[in-house]
Amino acid sequence: MAKWYAGRFADYLAENADRDEIFEYPRSER
């Protein structure tokens, strides 16, 4: 299962490396 999650996440990172939202938090405000 670790291999499955790791592969899934690595593929996701590689496919989305040009998207700002995988590097910048969506913030909530008070």
Full PDB file with SEQRES, HELIX, SHEET, SSBOND, CRYST1, ORIGX, SCALE, CONECT and MASTER records, all heavy atoms in Angstrom:
SEQRES   1 A   30  MET ALA LYS TRP TYR ALA GLY ARG PHE ALA ASP TYR LEU          
SEQRES   2 A   30  ALA GLU ASN ALA ASP ARG ASP GLU ILE PHE GLU TYR PRO          
SEQRES   3 A   30  ARG SER GLU ARG                                              
HELIX    1 AA1 ALA A    2  GLU A   15  1                                  14    
HELIX    2 AA2 ASP A   20  ILE A   22  5                                   3    
CRYST1    1.000    1.000    1.000  90.00  90.00  90.00 P 1           1          
ORIGX1      1.000000  0.000000  0.000000        0.00000                         
ORIGX2      0.000000  1.000000  0.000000        0.00000                         
ORIGX3      0.000000  0.000000  1.000000        0.00000                         
SCALE1      1.000000  0.000000  0.000000        0.00000                         
SCALE2      0.000000  1.000000  0.000000        0.00000                         
SCALE3      0.000000  0.000000  1.000000        0.00000                         
ATOM      1  N   MET A   1       0.833  -1.204   0.000  1.00  0.00           N  
ATOM      2  CA  MET A   1       0.000   0.000   0.000  1.00  0.00           C  
ATOM      3  C   MET A   1       0.868   1.254   0.000  1.00  0.00           C  
ATOM      4  O   MET A   1       0.520   2.249  -0.632  1.00  0.00           O  
ATOM      5  CB  MET A   1      -0.953   0.014   1.199  1.00  0.00           C  
ATOM      6  CG  MET A   1      -2.150  -0.903   1.044  1.00  0.00           C  
ATOM      7  SD  MET A   1      -3.187  -0.534  -0.392  1.00  0.00           S  
ATOM      8  CE  MET A   1      -3.737   1.117  -0.056  1.00  0.00           C  
ATOM      9  N   ALA A   2       2.003   1.224   0.680  1.00  0.00           N  
ATOM     10  CA  ALA A   2       2.921   2.365   0.670  1.00  0.00           C  
ATOM     11  C   ALA A   2       3.389   2.644  -0.755  1.00  0.00           C  
ATOM     12  O   ALA A   2       3.444   3.798  -1.189  1.00  0.00           O  
ATOM     13  CB  ALA A   2       4.113   2.094   1.587  1.00  0.00           C  
ATOM     14  N   LYS A   3       3.690   1.578  -1.490  1.00  0.00           N  
ATOM     15  CA  LYS A   3       4.108   1.745  -2.882  1.00  0.00           C  
ATOM     16  C   LYS A   3       2.983   2.362  -3.709  1.00  0.00           C  
ATOM     17  O   LYS A   3       3.234   3.223  -4.556  1.00  0.00           O  
ATOM     18  CB  LYS A   3       4.526   0.397  -3.486  1.00  0.00           C  
ATOM     19  CG  LYS A   3       5.854  -0.104  -2.953  1.00  0.00           C  
ATOM     20  CD  LYS A   3       6.235  -1.415  -3.608  1.00  0.00           C  
ATOM     21  CE  LYS A   3       7.595  -1.876  -3.100  1.00  0.00           C  
ATOM     22  NZ  LYS A   3       8.143  -2.959  -3.907  1.00  0.00           N  
ATOM     23  N   TRP A   4       1.756   1.942  -3.464  1.00  0.00           N  
ATOM     24  CA  TRP A   4       0.622   2.483  -4.211  1.00  0.00           C  
ATOM     25  C   TRP A   4       0.451   3.980  -3.934  1.00  0.00           C  
ATOM     26  O   TRP A   4       0.347   4.778  -4.858  1.00  0.00           O  
ATOM     27  CB  TRP A   4      -0.664   1.722  -3.857  1.00  0.00           C  
ATOM     28  CG  TRP A   4      -1.832   2.209  -4.641  1.00  0.00           C  
ATOM     29  CD1 TRP A   4      -2.177   1.830  -5.909  1.00  0.00           C  
ATOM     30  CD2 TRP A   4      -2.788   3.192  -4.233  1.00  0.00           C  
ATOM     31  NE1 TRP A   4      -3.309   2.524  -6.308  1.00  0.00           N  
ATOM     32  CE2 TRP A   4      -3.699   3.367  -5.301  1.00  0.00           C  
ATOM     33  CE3 TRP A   4      -2.967   3.931  -3.075  1.00  0.00           C  
ATOM     34  CZ2 TRP A   4      -4.769   4.249  -5.238  1.00  0.00           C  
ATOM     35  CZ3 TRP A   4      -4.032   4.815  -3.007  1.00  0.00           C  
ATOM     36  CH2 TRP A   4      -4.916   4.973  -4.084  1.00  0.00           C  
ATOM     37  N   TYR A   5       0.436   4.363  -2.653  1.00  0.00           N  
ATOM     38  CA  TYR A   5       0.284   5.784  -2.305  1.00  0.00           C  
ATOM     39  C   TYR A   5       1.447   6.611  -2.843  1.00  0.00           C  
ATOM     40  O   TYR A   5       1.249   7.713  -3.365  1.00  0.00           O  
ATOM     41  CB  TYR A   5       0.196   5.975  -0.784  1.00  0.00           C  
ATOM     42  CG  TYR A   5      -1.137   5.656  -0.193  1.00  0.00           C  
ATOM     43  CD1 TYR A   5      -1.328   4.502   0.547  1.00  0.00           C  
ATOM     44  CD2 TYR A   5      -2.226   6.518  -0.357  1.00  0.00           C  
ATOM     45  CE1 TYR A   5      -2.564   4.203   1.108  1.00  0.00           C  
ATOM     46  CE2 TYR A   5      -3.461   6.230   0.205  1.00  0.00           C  
ATOM     47  CZ  TYR A   5      -3.627   5.074   0.934  1.00  0.00           C  
ATOM     48  OH  TYR A   5      -4.843   4.789   1.489  1.00  0.00           O  
ATOM     49  N   ALA A   6       2.664   6.091  -2.698  1.00  0.00           N  
ATOM     50  CA  ALA A   6       3.845   6.835  -3.156  1.00  0.00           C  
ATOM     51  C   ALA A   6       3.818   7.030  -4.664  1.00  0.00           C  
ATOM     52  O   ALA A   6       4.098   8.130  -5.156  1.00  0.00           O  
ATOM     53  CB  ALA A   6       5.120   6.111  -2.732  1.00  0.00           C  
ATOM     54  N   GLY A   7       3.472   5.983  -5.393  1.00  0.00           N  
ATOM     55  CA  GLY A   7       3.403   6.091  -6.852  1.00  0.00           C  
ATOM     56  C   GLY A   7       2.327   7.061  -7.294  1.00  0.00           C  
ATOM     57  O   GLY A   7       2.543   7.879  -8.202  1.00  0.00           O  
ATOM     58  N   ARG A   8       1.185   6.980  -6.646  1.00  0.00           N  
ATOM     59  CA  ARG A   8       0.071   7.886  -6.958  1.00  0.00           C  
ATOM     60  C   ARG A   8       0.468   9.342  -6.719  1.00  0.00           C  
ATOM     61  O   ARG A   8       0.229  10.214  -7.551  1.00  0.00           O  
ATOM     62  CB  ARG A   8      -1.124   7.500  -6.096  1.00  0.00           C  
ATOM     63  CG  ARG A   8      -2.337   8.370  -6.254  1.00  0.00           C  
ATOM     64  CD  ARG A   8      -3.453   7.810  -5.344  1.00  0.00           C  
ATOM     65  NE  ARG A   8      -4.632   8.628  -5.417  1.00  0.00           N  
ATOM     66  CZ  ARG A   8      -5.106   9.364  -4.420  1.00  0.00           C  
ATOM     67  NH1 ARG A   8      -4.498   9.377  -3.250  1.00  0.00           N  
ATOM     68  NH2 ARG A   8      -6.184  10.076  -4.564  1.00  0.00           N  
ATOM     69  N   PHE A   9       1.101   9.607  -5.563  1.00  0.00           N  
ATOM     70  CA  PHE A   9       1.494  10.970  -5.225  1.00  0.00           C  
ATOM     71  C   PHE A   9       2.611  11.467  -6.140  1.00  0.00           C  
ATOM     72  O   PHE A   9       2.574  12.612  -6.605  1.00  0.00           O  
ATOM     73  CB  PHE A   9       1.912  11.063  -3.757  1.00  0.00           C  
ATOM     74  CG  PHE A   9       2.227  12.458  -3.303  1.00  0.00           C  
ATOM     75  CD1 PHE A   9       1.278  13.466  -3.357  1.00  0.00           C  
ATOM     76  CD2 PHE A   9       3.481  12.768  -2.790  1.00  0.00           C  
ATOM     77  CE1 PHE A   9       1.559  14.771  -2.929  1.00  0.00           C  
ATOM     78  CE2 PHE A   9       3.778  14.051  -2.353  1.00  0.00           C  
ATOM     79  CZ  PHE A   9       2.820  15.054  -2.431  1.00  0.00           C  
ATOM     80  N   ALA A  10       3.595  10.634  -6.419  1.00  0.00           N  
ATOM     81  CA  ALA A  10       4.694  11.046  -7.306  1.00  0.00           C  
ATOM     82  C   ALA A  10       4.166  11.371  -8.699  1.00  0.00           C  
ATOM     83  O   ALA A  10       4.564  12.379  -9.297  1.00  0.00           O  
ATOM     84  CB  ALA A  10       5.758   9.949  -7.367  1.00  0.00           C  
ATOM     85  N   ASP A  11       3.278  10.545  -9.213  1.00  0.00           N  
ATOM     86  CA  ASP A  11       2.687  10.827 -10.532  1.00  0.00           C  
ATOM     87  C   ASP A  11       1.917  12.142 -10.509  1.00  0.00           C  
ATOM     88  O   ASP A  11       2.005  12.951 -11.438  1.00  0.00           O  
ATOM     89  CB  ASP A  11       1.763   9.692 -10.966  1.00  0.00           C  
ATOM     90  CG  ASP A  11       2.509   8.422 -11.326  1.00  0.00           C  
ATOM     91  OD1 ASP A  11       3.745   8.464 -11.482  1.00  0.00           O  
ATOM     92  OD2 ASP A  11       1.839   7.366 -11.431  1.00  0.00           O  
ATOM     93  N   TYR A  12       1.158  12.362  -9.441  1.00  0.00           N  
ATOM     94  CA  TYR A  12       0.394  13.600  -9.292  1.00  0.00           C  
ATOM     95  C   TYR A  12       1.327  14.816  -9.280  1.00  0.00           C  
ATOM     96  O   TYR A  12       1.071  15.816  -9.957  1.00  0.00           O  
ATOM     97  CB  TYR A  12      -0.439  13.539  -8.010  1.00  0.00           C  
ATOM     98  CG  TYR A  12      -1.087  14.835  -7.635  1.00  0.00           C  
ATOM     99  CD1 TYR A  12      -2.330  15.189  -8.145  1.00  0.00           C  
ATOM    100  CD2 TYR A  12      -0.451  15.725  -6.771  1.00  0.00           C  
ATOM    101  CE1 TYR A  12      -2.932  16.393  -7.802  1.00  0.00           C  
ATOM    102  CE2 TYR A  12      -1.035  16.930  -6.426  1.00  0.00           C  
ATOM    103  CZ  TYR A  12      -2.272  17.252  -6.940  1.00  0.00           C  
ATOM    104  OH  TYR A  12      -2.853  18.453  -6.598  1.00  0.00           O  
ATOM    105  N   LEU A  13       2.405  14.738  -8.489  1.00  0.00           N  
ATOM    106  CA  LEU A  13       3.360  15.850  -8.439  1.00  0.00           C  
ATOM    107  C   LEU A  13       3.938  16.132  -9.814  1.00  0.00           C  
ATOM    108  O   LEU A  13       3.993  17.282 -10.255  1.00  0.00           O  
ATOM    109  CB  LEU A  13       4.494  15.552  -7.457  1.00  0.00           C  
ATOM    110  CG  LEU A  13       4.194  15.617  -5.973  1.00  0.00           C  
ATOM    111  CD1 LEU A  13       5.436  15.224  -5.165  1.00  0.00           C  
ATOM    112  CD2 LEU A  13       3.690  16.994  -5.556  1.00  0.00           C  
ATOM    113  N   ALA A  14       4.376  15.090 -10.499  1.00  0.00           N  
ATOM    114  CA  ALA A  14       4.986  15.262 -11.818  1.00  0.00           C  
ATOM    115  C   ALA A  14       3.997  15.873 -12.812  1.00  0.00           C  
ATOM    116  O   ALA A  14       4.366  16.759 -13.590  1.00  0.00           O  
ATOM    117  CB  ALA A  14       5.508  13.926 -12.332  1.00  0.00           C  
ATOM    118  N   GLU A  15       2.755  15.432 -12.758  1.00  0.00           N  
ATOM    119  CA  GLU A  15       1.738  15.929 -13.690  1.00  0.00           C  
ATOM    120  C   GLU A  15       1.302  17.360 -13.389  1.00  0.00           C  
ATOM    121  O   GLU A  15       0.791  18.058 -14.275  1.00  0.00           O  
ATOM    122  CB  GLU A  15       0.504  15.025 -13.649  1.00  0.00           C  
ATOM    123  CG  GLU A  15       0.741  13.658 -14.235  1.00  0.00           C  
ATOM    124  CD  GLU A  15      -0.356  12.665 -13.885  1.00  0.00           C  
ATOM    125  OE1 GLU A  15      -1.415  13.065 -13.347  1.00  0.00           O  
ATOM    126  OE2 GLU A  15      -0.151  11.452 -14.141  1.00  0.00           O  
ATOM    127  N   ASN A  16       1.500  17.810 -12.156  1.00  0.00           N  
ATOM    128  CA  ASN A  16       0.993  19.118 -11.743  1.00  0.00           C  
ATOM    129  C   ASN A  16       2.094  20.092 -11.346  1.00  0.00           C  
ATOM    130  O   ASN A  16       1.822  21.118 -10.716  1.00  0.00           O  
ATOM    131  CB  ASN A  16       0.015  18.950 -10.581  1.00  0.00           C  
ATOM    132  CG  ASN A  16      -1.252  18.270 -11.025  1.00  0.00           C  
ATOM    133  OD1 ASN A  16      -2.116  18.902 -11.618  1.00  0.00           O  
ATOM    134  ND2 ASN A  16      -1.350  16.974 -10.778  1.00  0.00           N  
ATOM    135  N   ALA A  17       3.332  19.809 -11.708  1.00  0.00           N  
ATOM    136  CA  ALA A  17       4.479  20.618 -11.286  1.00  0.00           C  
ATOM    137  C   ALA A  17       4.382  22.079 -11.703  1.00  0.00           C  
ATOM    138  O   ALA A  17       4.979  22.948 -11.057  1.00  0.00           O  
ATOM    139  CB  ALA A  17       5.774  20.015 -11.833  1.00  0.00           C  
ATOM    140  N   ASP A  18       3.612  22.372 -12.735  1.00  0.00           N  
ATOM    141  CA  ASP A  18       3.491  23.760 -13.200  1.00  0.00           C  
ATOM    142  C   ASP A  18       2.311  24.506 -12.577  1.00  0.00           C  
ATOM    143  O   ASP A  18       2.091  25.673 -12.894  1.00  0.00           O  
ATOM    144  CB  ASP A  18       3.377  23.782 -14.725  1.00  0.00           C  
ATOM    145  CG  ASP A  18       2.160  23.023 -15.236  1.00  0.00           C  
ATOM    146  OD1 ASP A  18       1.607  22.187 -14.486  1.00  0.00           O  
ATOM    147  OD2 ASP A  18       1.771  23.253 -16.397  1.00  0.00           O  
ATOM    148  N   ARG A  19       1.589  23.873 -11.676  1.00  0.00           N  
ATOM    149  CA  ARG A  19       0.416  24.505 -11.044  1.00  0.00           C  
ATOM    150  C   ARG A  19       0.792  25.127  -9.703  1.00  0.00           C  
ATOM    151  O   ARG A  19       1.289  24.443  -8.803  1.00  0.00           O  
ATOM    152  CB  ARG A  19      -0.692  23.468 -10.827  1.00  0.00           C  
ATOM    153  CG  ARG A  19      -1.273  22.958 -12.132  1.00  0.00           C  
ATOM    154  CD  ARG A  19      -2.386  21.943 -11.936  1.00  0.00           C  
ATOM    155  NE  ARG A  19      -3.373  22.377 -10.963  1.00  0.00           N  
ATOM    156  CZ  ARG A  19      -3.964  21.558 -10.099  1.00  0.00           C  
ATOM    157  NH1 ARG A  19      -3.675  20.270 -10.058  1.00  0.00           N  
ATOM    158  NH2 ARG A  19      -4.864  22.024  -9.251  1.00  0.00           N  
ATOM    159  N   ASP A  20       0.542  26.426  -9.551  1.00  0.00           N  
ATOM    160  CA  ASP A  20       0.866  27.127  -8.309  1.00  0.00           C  
ATOM    161  C   ASP A  20       0.162  26.530  -7.092  1.00  0.00           C  
ATOM    162  O   ASP A  20       0.702  26.533  -5.993  1.00  0.00           O  
ATOM    163  CB  ASP A  20       0.496  28.610  -8.405  1.00  0.00           C  
ATOM    164  CG  ASP A  20       1.403  29.376  -9.347  1.00  0.00           C  
ATOM    165  OD1 ASP A  20       2.512  28.893  -9.643  1.00  0.00           O  
ATOM    166  OD2 ASP A  20       0.993  30.474  -9.775  1.00  0.00           O  
ATOM    167  N   GLU A  21      -1.059  26.017  -7.279  1.00  0.00           N  
ATOM    168  CA  GLU A  21      -1.830  25.552  -6.122  1.00  0.00           C  
ATOM    169  C   GLU A  21      -1.235  24.335  -5.434  1.00  0.00           C  
ATOM    170  O   GLU A  21      -1.632  24.023  -4.311  1.00  0.00           O  
ATOM    171  CB  GLU A  21      -3.303  25.319  -6.469  1.00  0.00           C  
ATOM    172  CG  GLU A  21      -3.553  24.365  -7.588  1.00  0.00           C  
ATOM    173  CD  GLU A  21      -3.697  25.056  -8.939  1.00  0.00           C  
ATOM    174  OE1 GLU A  21      -3.263  26.198  -9.125  1.00  0.00           O  
ATOM    175  OE2 GLU A  21      -4.243  24.409  -9.842  1.00  0.00           O  
ATOM    176  N   ILE A  22      -0.269  23.646  -6.032  1.00  0.00           N  
ATOM    177  CA  ILE A  22       0.375  22.552  -5.302  1.00  0.00           C  
ATOM    178  C   ILE A  22       1.571  23.053  -4.477  1.00  0.00           C  
ATOM    179  O   ILE A  22       2.208  22.269  -3.783  1.00  0.00           O  
ATOM    180  CB  ILE A  22       0.779  21.367  -6.203  1.00  0.00           C  
ATOM    181  CG1 ILE A  22       2.008  21.663  -7.043  1.00  0.00           C  
ATOM    182  CG2 ILE A  22      -0.391  20.874  -7.038  1.00  0.00           C  
ATOM    183  CD1 ILE A  22       2.688  20.429  -7.614  1.00  0.00           C  
ATOM    184  N   PHE A  23       1.827  24.355  -4.536  1.00  0.00           N  
ATOM    185  CA  PHE A  23       2.921  24.955  -3.770  1.00  0.00           C  
ATOM    186  C   PHE A  23       2.469  26.095  -2.860  1.00  0.00           C  
ATOM    187  O   PHE A  23       3.262  26.575  -2.049  1.00  0.00           O  
ATOM    188  CB  PHE A  23       3.997  25.498  -4.722  1.00  0.00           C  
ATOM    189  CG  PHE A  23       4.629  24.456  -5.588  1.00  0.00           C  
ATOM    190  CD1 PHE A  23       4.367  24.408  -6.951  1.00  0.00           C  
ATOM    191  CD2 PHE A  23       5.496  23.512  -5.060  1.00  0.00           C  
ATOM    192  CE1 PHE A  23       4.959  23.454  -7.761  1.00  0.00           C  
ATOM    193  CE2 PHE A  23       6.091  22.546  -5.867  1.00  0.00           C  
ATOM    194  CZ  PHE A  23       5.813  22.520  -7.219  1.00  0.00           C  
ATOM    195  N   GLU A  24       1.254  26.572  -2.996  1.00  0.00           N  
ATOM    196  CA  GLU A  24       0.787  27.726  -2.224  1.00  0.00           C  
ATOM    197  C   GLU A  24      -0.495  27.376  -1.485  1.00  0.00           C  
ATOM    198  O   GLU A  24      -1.487  26.988  -2.105  1.00  0.00           O  
ATOM    199  CB  GLU A  24       0.545  28.913  -3.156  1.00  0.00           C  
ATOM    200  CG  GLU A  24       1.807  29.375  -3.847  1.00  0.00           C  
ATOM    201  CD  GLU A  24       1.535  30.411  -4.926  1.00  0.00           C  
ATOM    202  OE1 GLU A  24       0.413  30.935  -5.011  1.00  0.00           O  
ATOM    203  OE2 GLU A  24       2.473  30.681  -5.699  1.00  0.00           O  
ATOM    204  N   TYR A  25      -0.470  27.534  -0.167  1.00  0.00           N  
ATOM    205  CA  TYR A  25      -1.630  27.254   0.661  1.00  0.00           C  
ATOM    206  C   TYR A  25      -2.823  28.133   0.309  1.00  0.00           C  
ATOM    207  O   TYR A  25      -2.672  29.342   0.125  1.00  0.00           O  
ATOM    208  CB  TYR A  25      -1.317  27.605   2.108  1.00  0.00           C  
ATOM    209  CG  TYR A  25      -0.765  26.521   2.981  1.00  0.00           C  
ATOM    210  CD1 TYR A  25       0.089  26.862   4.024  1.00  0.00           C  
ATOM    211  CD2 TYR A  25      -1.122  25.187   2.845  1.00  0.00           C  
ATOM    212  CE1 TYR A  25       0.585  25.911   4.893  1.00  0.00           C  
ATOM    213  CE2 TYR A  25      -0.627  24.227   3.707  1.00  0.00           C  
ATOM    214  CZ  TYR A  25       0.218  24.593   4.732  1.00  0.00           C  
ATOM    215  OH  TYR A  25       0.696  23.649   5.591  1.00  0.00           O  
ATOM    216  N   PRO A  26      -4.014  27.574   0.301  1.00  0.00           N  
ATOM    217  CA  PRO A  26      -5.213  28.430   0.324  1.00  0.00           C  
ATOM    218  C   PRO A  26      -5.424  28.845   1.775  1.00  0.00           C  
ATOM    219  O   PRO A  26      -5.525  27.995   2.657  1.00  0.00           O  
ATOM    220  CB  PRO A  26      -6.321  27.489  -0.160  1.00  0.00           C  
ATOM    221  CG  PRO A  26      -5.843  26.127   0.219  1.00  0.00           C  
ATOM    222  CD  PRO A  26      -4.328  26.177   0.173  1.00  0.00           C  
ATOM    223  N   ARG A  27      -5.395  30.103   2.069  1.00  0.00           N  
ATOM    224  CA  ARG A  27      -5.480  30.592   3.442  1.00  0.00           C  
ATOM    225  C   ARG A  27      -6.903  30.925   3.841  1.00  0.00           C  
ATOM    226  O   ARG A  27      -7.703  31.376   3.043  1.00  0.00           O  
ATOM    227  CB  ARG A  27      -4.618  31.844   3.614  1.00  0.00           C  
ATOM    228  CG  ARG A  27      -3.149  31.588   3.450  1.00  0.00           C  
ATOM    229  CD  ARG A  27      -2.565  31.032   4.703  1.00  0.00           C  
ATOM    230  NE  ARG A  27      -1.137  30.795   4.515  1.00  0.00           N  
ATOM    231  CZ  ARG A  27      -0.402  30.152   5.372  1.00  0.00           C  
ATOM    232  NH1 ARG A  27      -0.914  29.682   6.469  1.00  0.00           N  
ATOM    233  NH2 ARG A  27       0.864  29.959   5.144  1.00  0.00           N  
ATOM    234  N   SER A  28      -7.183  30.703   5.109  1.00  0.00           N  
ATOM    235  CA  SER A  28      -8.417  31.171   5.713  1.00  0.00           C  
ATOM    236  C   SER A  28      -8.079  32.460   6.446  1.00  0.00           C  
ATOM    237  O   SER A  28      -6.938  32.709   6.790  1.00  0.00           O  
ATOM    238  CB  SER A  28      -8.942  30.152   6.719  1.00  0.00           C  
ATOM    239  OG  SER A  28      -9.283  28.971   6.068  1.00  0.00           O  
ATOM    240  N   GLU A  29      -9.074  33.255   6.683  1.00  0.00           N  
ATOM    241  CA  GLU A  29      -8.832  34.513   7.374  1.00  0.00           C  
ATOM    242  C   GLU A  29      -9.665  34.577   8.635  1.00  0.00           C  
ATOM    243  O   GLU A  29     -10.739  34.007   8.708  1.00  0.00           O  
ATOM    244  CB  GLU A  29      -9.192  35.683   6.464  1.00  0.00           C  
ATOM    245  CG  GLU A  29      -8.305  35.774   5.245  1.00  0.00           C  
ATOM    246  CD  GLU A  29      -8.620  36.984   4.397  1.00  0.00           C  
ATOM    247  OE1 GLU A  29      -9.135  37.976   4.949  1.00  0.00           O  
ATOM    248  OE2 GLU A  29      -8.347  36.926   3.204  1.00  0.00           O  
ATOM    249  N   ARG A  30      -9.160  35.301   9.611  1.00  0.00           N  
ATOM    250  CA  ARG A  30      -9.909  35.556  10.825  1.00  0.00           C  
ATOM    251  C   ARG A  30     -10.413  36.990  10.741  1.00  0.00           C  
ATOM    252  O   ARG A  30      -9.631  37.919  10.679  1.00  0.00           O  
ATOM    253  CB  ARG A  30      -9.035  35.376  12.050  1.00  0.00           C  
ATOM    254  CG  ARG A  30      -8.697  33.921  12.300  1.00  0.00           C  
ATOM    255  CD  ARG A  30      -8.020  33.735  13.599  1.00  0.00           C  
ATOM    256  NE  ARG A  30      -9.020  33.286  14.544  1.00  0.00           N  
ATOM    257  CZ  ARG A  30      -8.747  32.957  15.793  1.00  0.00           C  
ATOM    258  NH1 ARG A  30      -7.533  33.047  16.244  1.00  0.00           N  
ATOM    259  NH2 ARG A  30      -9.697  32.557  16.596  1.00  0.00           N  
TER     260      ARG A  30                                                      
MASTER        0    0    0    2    0    0    0    6  259    1    0    3          
END                                                                             
